[in-house]
Amino acid sequence: MNGEAEELINALKVNDRIEVYEGREEAVEPAEAMDKLAKMGREALPALLRELEKYLKEGLARYYAEYIARILGEIRCPESISALVKILDVDWDDYAVEAAISSLGRFGEDVLDELYRYLDEHGEDELSAITVLDVINEFEGAGDRTVNALIGFLSHESENVRAYAARSLGRFGDKRCVEYLEDLLDDVEIVVDEAKLSLRFILEDSPYEYRSILLRKGLIGERRAKEVLREVSDRLKSVIDQYSEEFEGDDVYEVNRAFPRYLASKNLAKAFKELAEYAFDEFVLDYEGYKAIVNIADRLDEKGKMIEEEFGDLITILDVNSEFWRQKVCKVEKRGFKGSYPIAEVENEVVKWLREDGAKVAKYRGFIVGRYSDEKIVIVQVFELEGEVNVELRLHGEDWNEEEIGDYCRDFWEFVEKLSR
């Protein structure tokens, strides 16, 4: 029988050939061999586990590893749990990891002890915790041990883990979780959203209990209604207030047409989501209605992202929460210059210098942005402080190297110093 198992395992490697890796041939799943190995059950287990050990030592993505992980989920022998858990640490083969997660989930609570050991080895690592939650979410039902495991994740240091655990508790729908989920309503937004949704599902037959929880936490009621109205009004007002704002610099016509669309998309999307969430909490909207409005908001948000991609920093310079401001900052220098040189003239000379140096330039509210590439950006601000003209130079992006930074700063300050003489 061992010989037959080895032969079938070799058949699992049908796609592990250069022709398939290079895309010259299509991968074909060895369904017949997989089915036969699954039916052999425990007799095939030693050979399958030996093959997985070889795969883990080799450290390369292989089709057969995914197939073996799936077969082990069919056989469901406790002896294979440890091997499947080892695959969770694989960072070179997502398909094998996904197959291991699915197969471990088929064991249900029998895998929890091994998963606890796995977590002990990884400490408070976010990815490991999320991987374990992925496994738990494959369970068909939730017993006491499953619920207790999920409750344990609610105190994890990662907000993403806490949010995922809260969502998972809602999926299993156990009323013992209500008090723990209520405690999460004081957490950060991402966690509150998931806890609230789970509470709604768990208390679907007890709407007054759900509403009383939200009232206690100030998430609905008169105070919250005023907050929502104020936030939505502020966002809509910002669209109107900034609709006529204009850039100066290159491509002004296209940028000035895109700018109001960008602000409208981002702010209206946020406003719609706020209104939908509040209406959902107040039972004005059912879940389907809530999702319909959120989908509209997501489409608006997507339009804003498309405009960002087209115009980059020319659009996002206003948004302090945008990725633009989170680019790598390579250098920040600031110098003050005595004298009465008008700030507007300094700005104009800086714009001229940047353009002559090959940068695409835009100005807005005292900022001058010179873009050499998407990852090679200069931001200059000119302002007056205590009788001096101050100039701040910032270099952003991954494309700057150390030598360039030094040369660029030297040339820039030599140019500015000439203006102040």
Foldseek 3Di string as FASTA:
>chain_A
DQVLLVVLLVVQQPQVDPCNVVPVDPDDGPVVSLVVLLVVAPVSVVVLLVVLVVCVVVLAEGRSLLSSLQSCLSSVDLVCLLSLLVCCPRPHYVSNLVSSLLSLLSNAPSNVVVLVVVCVVVDLDPSSLVSVLSSNLNHPADDPVSLVVLLVQCPRPDLVSNLSSLLSLLVRLDPVCLVSLLVQCVPDDSNVVSSLVSNCSNCVVPLVVSLVSCVVSVCADDVVVVVLVVLLVVLVVVLVVCLQPFKDFPPRVVLNVVQSLLSCLQSVLVNLLSVLVHCCSVVVDPPVRSVVSNVVSVVSNVSNVVSCVVPPCSRCVVPCPDCNVVFAWDDKDKDWFADDQDQVVLVVVVSVVLVVVPFGWMDDDQWIWTHNDNFWIKIWGWDDDPRTIMIMIITGGDPDDPVNVVVVVVVVVVVSVVSRD
